[in-house]
Amino acid sequence: MIKIEAVVRPERVHLVVEALTDAGCGGYHVSNVSGKGTQQGVEVFTGRGTTTITRAALPKTIVTTVVKSEMKESVVEAIISASRSGTEGQIGDGKIFISPISEVIRVSTGEKDESAL
């Protein structure tokens, strides 16, 4: 089993969760966060538009799911195609982090590992 965390633009999250469902993903969590990556922030006009400041931490959304290892490629490809801006993509489209999961336990039934997914 693996955990896939995708940091994406907030305006693309609905496309990402639709793609996860289409890829056969059973469940996911969505968290709104802010942070700084390669994009390095944006300039924002303040006051009456006469001055600008650099806003370093930008709003992002993290979509987290745990899937069977054999689903990794299809889920990652679904996230990439749904979160990429245009055909080439742009800085700020996001990142995907993949981690191994050693054990999963469903609290309500006590089921373990893949049967708990």
N, C-alpha and C. Protein backbone atom coordinates (compact mmCIF):
# COMPACT_ATOMS: atom_id res chain seq x y z
N MET A 1 0.84 -1.18 0.00
CA MET A 1 0.00 0.00 0.00
C MET A 1 0.88 1.24 0.00
N ILE A 2 0.37 2.29 -0.61
CA ILE A 2 1.10 3.55 -0.67
C ILE A 2 0.17 4.71 -0.36
N LYS A 3 0.77 5.77 0.18
CA LYS A 3 0.03 7.02 0.40
C LYS A 3 0.50 8.00 -0.67
N ILE A 4 -0.47 8.61 -1.32
CA ILE A 4 -0.17 9.61 -2.34
C ILE A 4 -0.74 10.94 -1.86
N GLU A 5 0.15 11.93 -1.76
CA GLU A 5 -0.26 13.28 -1.38
C GLU A 5 0.03 14.20 -2.56
N ALA A 6 -1.00 14.87 -3.03
CA ALA A 6 -0.85 15.77 -4.17
C ALA A 6 -1.15 17.19 -3.71
N VAL A 7 -0.19 18.08 -3.89
CA VAL A 7 -0.38 19.50 -3.61
C VAL A 7 -0.75 20.14 -4.93
N VAL A 8 -1.96 20.69 -5.02
CA VAL A 8 -2.46 21.22 -6.29
C VAL A 8 -3.05 22.61 -6.10
N ARG A 9 -3.29 23.28 -7.22
CA ARG A 9 -3.97 24.58 -7.17
C ARG A 9 -5.41 24.38 -6.68
N PRO A 10 -5.90 25.25 -5.81
CA PRO A 10 -7.27 25.08 -5.28
C PRO A 10 -8.34 25.05 -6.38
N GLU A 11 -8.14 25.78 -7.45
CA GLU A 11 -9.15 25.82 -8.51
C GLU A 11 -9.17 24.54 -9.35
N ARG A 12 -8.19 23.66 -9.16
CA ARG A 12 -8.13 22.40 -9.91
C ARG A 12 -8.57 21.19 -9.07
N VAL A 13 -8.86 21.40 -7.78
CA VAL A 13 -9.11 20.26 -6.90
C VAL A 13 -10.33 19.45 -7.32
N HIS A 14 -11.38 20.09 -7.83
CA HIS A 14 -12.56 19.33 -8.24
C HIS A 14 -12.23 18.40 -9.41
N LEU A 15 -11.34 18.83 -10.31
CA LEU A 15 -10.91 17.97 -11.41
C LEU A 15 -10.07 16.80 -10.90
N VAL A 16 -9.24 17.06 -9.89
CA VAL A 16 -8.39 16.02 -9.33
C VAL A 16 -9.23 14.94 -8.64
N VAL A 17 -10.21 15.34 -7.83
CA VAL A 17 -11.00 14.33 -7.12
C VAL A 17 -11.89 13.54 -8.10
N GLU A 18 -12.35 14.17 -9.17
CA GLU A 18 -13.09 13.43 -10.21
C GLU A 18 -12.18 12.40 -10.87
N ALA A 19 -10.93 12.80 -11.15
CA ALA A 19 -9.97 11.89 -11.78
C ALA A 19 -9.64 10.72 -10.85
N LEU A 20 -9.53 10.99 -9.55
CA LEU A 20 -9.27 9.92 -8.58
C LEU A 20 -10.41 8.91 -8.57
N THR A 21 -11.63 9.39 -8.59
CA THR A 21 -12.80 8.51 -8.62
C THR A 21 -12.80 7.67 -9.89
N ASP A 22 -12.53 8.31 -11.02
CA ASP A 22 -12.48 7.60 -12.30
C ASP A 22 -11.37 6.54 -12.33
N ALA A 23 -10.27 6.79 -11.59
CA ALA A 23 -9.14 5.85 -11.56
C ALA A 23 -9.39 4.69 -10.60
N GLY A 24 -10.53 4.70 -9.89
CA GLY A 24 -10.86 3.61 -8.98
C GLY A 24 -10.43 3.82 -7.55
N CYS A 25 -10.06 5.03 -7.21
CA CYS A 25 -9.64 5.35 -5.85
C CYS A 25 -10.86 5.33 -4.92
N GLY A 26 -10.77 4.59 -3.82
CA GLY A 26 -11.90 4.41 -2.93
C GLY A 26 -12.20 5.59 -2.02
N GLY A 27 -11.22 6.39 -1.68
CA GLY A 27 -11.43 7.51 -0.78
C GLY A 27 -10.25 8.46 -0.80
N TYR A 28 -10.45 9.65 -0.26
CA TYR A 28 -9.39 10.66 -0.23
C TYR A 28 -9.74 11.69 0.84
N HIS A 29 -8.76 12.50 1.20
CA HIS A 29 -8.95 13.62 2.11
C HIS A 29 -8.47 14.88 1.40
N VAL A 30 -9.14 16.00 1.64
CA VAL A 30 -8.77 17.27 1.04
C VAL A 30 -8.51 18.27 2.17
N SER A 31 -7.36 18.96 2.09
CA SER A 31 -7.01 19.98 3.09
C SER A 31 -6.55 21.24 2.37
N ASN A 32 -7.07 22.38 2.79
CA ASN A 32 -6.63 23.65 2.24
C ASN A 32 -5.47 24.16 3.08
N VAL A 33 -4.38 24.51 2.41
CA VAL A 33 -3.16 24.95 3.08
C VAL A 33 -2.59 26.16 2.35
N SER A 34 -1.53 26.72 2.89
CA SER A 34 -0.77 27.73 2.16
C SER A 34 0.70 27.41 2.32
N GLY A 35 1.48 27.77 1.32
CA GLY A 35 2.90 27.47 1.38
C GLY A 35 3.65 28.08 0.22
N LYS A 36 4.95 27.78 0.19
CA LYS A 36 5.82 28.34 -0.83
C LYS A 36 6.67 27.24 -1.42
N GLY A 37 6.74 27.20 -2.74
CA GLY A 37 7.57 26.23 -3.44
C GLY A 37 8.37 26.95 -4.51
N THR A 38 8.53 26.31 -5.64
CA THR A 38 9.30 26.88 -6.75
C THR A 38 8.70 28.18 -7.26
N GLN A 39 7.39 28.32 -7.13
CA GLN A 39 6.70 29.50 -7.64
C GLN A 39 7.16 30.79 -6.95
N GLN A 40 7.61 30.69 -5.70
CA GLN A 40 8.17 31.81 -4.94
C GLN A 40 7.20 32.96 -4.69
N GLY A 41 5.90 32.73 -4.73
CA GLY A 41 4.94 33.76 -4.41
C GLY A 41 4.51 34.60 -5.61
N VAL A 42 3.66 35.56 -5.34
CA VAL A 42 3.16 36.46 -6.38
C VAL A 42 3.13 37.88 -5.84
N GLU A 43 3.16 38.86 -6.74
CA GLU A 43 3.02 40.25 -6.34
C GLU A 43 1.55 40.60 -6.28
N VAL A 44 1.15 41.27 -5.19
CA VAL A 44 -0.24 41.62 -4.97
C VAL A 44 -0.32 43.13 -4.78
N PHE A 45 -1.28 43.78 -5.45
CA PHE A 45 -1.50 45.20 -5.26
C PHE A 45 -2.22 45.43 -3.94
N THR A 46 -1.81 46.46 -3.20
CA THR A 46 -2.43 46.78 -1.92
C THR A 46 -3.01 48.18 -1.96
N GLY A 47 -3.78 48.49 -0.97
CA GLY A 47 -4.38 49.83 -0.90
C GLY A 47 -5.25 50.09 -2.09
N ARG A 48 -5.01 51.21 -2.74
CA ARG A 48 -5.77 51.58 -3.93
C ARG A 48 -5.02 51.22 -5.21
N GLY A 49 -4.18 50.18 -5.11
CA GLY A 49 -3.45 49.73 -6.28
C GLY A 49 -2.19 50.49 -6.56
N THR A 50 -1.72 51.27 -5.59
CA THR A 50 -0.53 52.08 -5.83
C THR A 50 0.75 51.39 -5.40
N THR A 51 0.68 50.44 -4.51
CA THR A 51 1.87 49.73 -4.07
C THR A 51 1.65 48.22 -4.20
N THR A 52 2.76 47.50 -4.26
CA THR A 52 2.67 46.05 -4.35
C THR A 52 3.49 45.42 -3.23
N ILE A 53 3.07 44.24 -2.82
CA ILE A 53 3.84 43.44 -1.89
C ILE A 53 3.96 42.04 -2.48
N THR A 54 4.97 41.30 -2.05
CA THR A 54 5.12 39.92 -2.51
C THR A 54 4.51 39.01 -1.47
N ARG A 55 3.54 38.25 -1.89
CA ARG A 55 2.89 37.29 -1.00
C ARG A 55 3.59 35.95 -1.22
N ALA A 56 4.40 35.53 -0.24
CA ALA A 56 5.22 34.34 -0.40
C ALA A 56 4.40 33.06 -0.27
N ALA A 57 3.55 32.97 0.72
CA ALA A 57 2.76 31.75 0.95
C ALA A 57 1.47 31.84 0.13
N LEU A 58 1.32 30.91 -0.81
CA LEU A 58 0.16 30.90 -1.69
C LEU A 58 -0.83 29.82 -1.26
N PRO A 59 -2.12 30.02 -1.53
CA PRO A 59 -3.09 28.98 -1.19
C PRO A 59 -2.92 27.77 -2.10
N LYS A 60 -2.93 26.60 -1.50
CA LYS A 60 -2.84 25.32 -2.22
C LYS A 60 -3.81 24.35 -1.56
N THR A 61 -4.05 23.23 -2.19
CA THR A 61 -4.89 22.18 -1.63
C THR A 61 -4.12 20.88 -1.68
N ILE A 62 -4.16 20.13 -0.58
CA ILE A 62 -3.52 18.81 -0.53
C ILE A 62 -4.61 17.76 -0.60
N VAL A 63 -4.48 16.86 -1.57
CA VAL A 63 -5.39 15.73 -1.71
C VAL A 63 -4.58 14.49 -1.32
N THR A 64 -5.05 13.75 -0.31
CA THR A 64 -4.34 12.59 0.21
C THR A 64 -5.18 11.34 0.03
N THR A 65 -4.55 10.27 -0.44
CA THR A 65 -5.24 9.00 -0.58
C THR A 65 -4.27 7.86 -0.28
N VAL A 66 -4.79 6.71 0.13
CA VAL A 66 -4.01 5.50 0.31
C VAL A 66 -4.61 4.45 -0.61
N VAL A 67 -3.77 3.85 -1.46
CA VAL A 67 -4.25 2.88 -2.44
C VAL A 67 -3.33 1.66 -2.46
N LYS A 68 -3.79 0.60 -3.10
CA LYS A 68 -2.95 -0.57 -3.32
C LYS A 68 -1.78 -0.18 -4.21
N SER A 69 -0.63 -0.80 -3.99
CA SER A 69 0.59 -0.45 -4.73
C SER A 69 0.41 -0.57 -6.24
N GLU A 70 -0.38 -1.55 -6.68
CA GLU A 70 -0.55 -1.73 -8.13
C GLU A 70 -1.37 -0.61 -8.78
N MET A 71 -2.02 0.22 -7.98
CA MET A 71 -2.80 1.35 -8.52
C MET A 71 -1.97 2.62 -8.66
N LYS A 72 -0.74 2.58 -8.20
CA LYS A 72 0.10 3.78 -8.14
C LYS A 72 0.16 4.53 -9.46
N GLU A 73 0.55 3.86 -10.53
CA GLU A 73 0.74 4.55 -11.81
C GLU A 73 -0.54 5.18 -12.33
N SER A 74 -1.67 4.47 -12.24
CA SER A 74 -2.92 5.03 -12.76
C SER A 74 -3.39 6.22 -11.93
N VAL A 75 -3.21 6.16 -10.62
CA VAL A 75 -3.63 7.27 -9.76
C VAL A 75 -2.73 8.48 -9.99
N VAL A 76 -1.43 8.27 -10.07
CA VAL A 76 -0.50 9.38 -10.31
C VAL A 76 -0.78 10.02 -11.67
N GLU A 77 -1.00 9.23 -12.69
CA GLU A 77 -1.29 9.78 -14.02
C GLU A 77 -2.61 10.56 -14.00
N ALA A 78 -3.60 10.08 -13.27
CA ALA A 78 -4.87 10.79 -13.16
C ALA A 78 -4.68 12.15 -12.49
N ILE A 79 -3.87 12.19 -11.44
CA ILE A 79 -3.61 13.46 -10.74
C ILE A 79 -2.87 14.42 -11.65
N ILE A 80 -1.85 13.94 -12.35
CA ILE A 80 -1.07 14.80 -13.24
C ILE A 80 -1.94 15.39 -14.33
N SER A 81 -2.74 14.56 -14.98
CA SER A 81 -3.55 15.06 -16.09
C SER A 81 -4.62 16.03 -15.61
N ALA A 82 -5.14 15.84 -14.40
CA ALA A 82 -6.19 16.73 -13.89
C ALA A 82 -5.65 18.03 -13.32
N SER A 83 -4.42 18.02 -12.81
CA SER A 83 -3.91 19.22 -12.15
C SER A 83 -3.00 20.07 -13.02
N ARG A 84 -2.56 19.55 -14.15
CA ARG A 84 -1.65 20.29 -15.03
C ARG A 84 -2.39 21.40 -15.76
N SER A 85 -1.80 22.59 -15.77
CA SER A 85 -2.39 23.74 -16.48
C SER A 85 -1.98 23.68 -17.94
N GLY A 86 -2.95 23.67 -18.83
CA GLY A 86 -2.67 23.63 -20.26
C GLY A 86 -2.03 22.31 -20.67
N THR A 87 -1.38 22.29 -21.81
CA THR A 87 -0.76 21.06 -22.29
C THR A 87 0.65 20.87 -21.75
N GLU A 88 1.33 21.96 -21.46
CA GLU A 88 2.72 21.91 -21.00
C GLU A 88 2.84 21.98 -19.49
N GLY A 89 1.84 22.52 -18.80
CA GLY A 89 1.96 22.75 -17.37
C GLY A 89 2.72 24.03 -17.07
N GLN A 90 2.65 24.49 -15.81
CA GLN A 90 3.32 25.71 -15.40
C GLN A 90 3.85 25.54 -13.99
N ILE A 91 4.79 26.41 -13.62
CA ILE A 91 5.25 26.43 -12.24
C ILE A 91 4.04 26.76 -11.37
N GLY A 92 3.88 26.05 -10.28
CA GLY A 92 2.74 26.28 -9.38
C GLY A 92 1.64 25.25 -9.54
N ASP A 93 1.76 24.35 -10.54
CA ASP A 93 0.73 23.32 -10.73
C ASP A 93 0.72 22.31 -9.59
N GLY A 94 1.84 22.15 -8.88
CA GLY A 94 1.84 21.29 -7.71
C GLY A 94 2.92 20.24 -7.71
N LYS A 95 2.86 19.38 -6.71
CA LYS A 95 3.80 18.27 -6.56
C LYS A 95 3.04 17.07 -6.02
N ILE A 96 3.60 15.87 -6.27
CA ILE A 96 3.02 14.63 -5.77
C ILE A 96 4.07 13.93 -4.93
N PHE A 97 3.69 13.53 -3.72
CA PHE A 97 4.58 12.82 -2.82
C PHE A 97 4.02 11.42 -2.61
N ILE A 98 4.88 10.40 -2.71
CA ILE A 98 4.45 9.01 -2.57
C ILE A 98 5.25 8.37 -1.44
N SER A 99 4.54 7.74 -0.50
CA SER A 99 5.17 7.11 0.66
C SER A 99 4.61 5.72 0.86
N PRO A 100 5.45 4.78 1.34
CA PRO A 100 4.93 3.45 1.66
C PRO A 100 4.11 3.49 2.95
N ILE A 101 3.10 2.64 3.01
CA ILE A 101 2.27 2.50 4.21
C ILE A 101 2.45 1.08 4.73
N SER A 102 2.83 0.94 5.98
CA SER A 102 3.10 -0.39 6.51
C SER A 102 1.84 -1.08 7.03
N GLU A 103 0.86 -0.30 7.48
CA GLU A 103 -0.35 -0.93 8.03
C GLU A 103 -1.51 0.06 8.03
N VAL A 104 -2.71 -0.45 7.77
CA VAL A 104 -3.94 0.33 7.84
C VAL A 104 -4.93 -0.47 8.68
N ILE A 105 -5.62 0.20 9.59
CA ILE A 105 -6.63 -0.46 10.42
C ILE A 105 -7.90 0.37 10.37
N ARG A 106 -9.00 -0.28 10.01
CA ARG A 106 -10.31 0.38 10.02
C ARG A 106 -10.81 0.37 11.47
N VAL A 107 -11.07 1.53 12.01
CA VAL A 107 -11.44 1.65 13.41
C VAL A 107 -12.76 0.95 13.72
N SER A 108 -13.76 1.08 12.86
CA SER A 108 -15.09 0.54 13.16
C SER A 108 -15.15 -0.98 13.20
N THR A 109 -14.36 -1.67 12.36
CA THR A 109 -14.46 -3.12 12.27
C THR A 109 -13.19 -3.87 12.68
N GLY A 110 -12.08 -3.16 12.75
CA GLY A 110 -10.81 -3.80 13.06
C GLY A 110 -10.15 -4.45 11.86
N GLU A 111 -10.75 -4.32 10.67
CA GLU A 111 -10.13 -4.87 9.46
C GLU A 111 -8.76 -4.23 9.27
N LYS A 112 -7.85 -5.02 8.67
CA LYS A 112 -6.49 -4.54 8.50
C LYS A 112 -6.06 -4.55 7.04
N ASP A 113 -5.11 -3.69 6.75
CA ASP A 113 -4.43 -3.57 5.47
C ASP A 113 -5.40 -3.37 4.30
N GLU A 114 -5.25 -4.11 3.21
CA GLU A 114 -6.03 -3.82 2.00
C GLU A 114 -7.53 -3.96 2.22
N SER A 115 -7.97 -4.87 3.10
CA SER A 115 -9.41 -4.98 3.35
C SER A 115 -9.94 -3.77 4.11
N ALA A 116 -9.05 -3.00 4.74
CA ALA A 116 -9.47 -1.78 5.45
C ALA A 116 -9.58 -0.58 4.53
N LEU A 117 -9.03 -0.70 3.32
CA LEU A 117 -9.12 0.43 2.38
C LEU A 117 -10.53 0.52 1.85
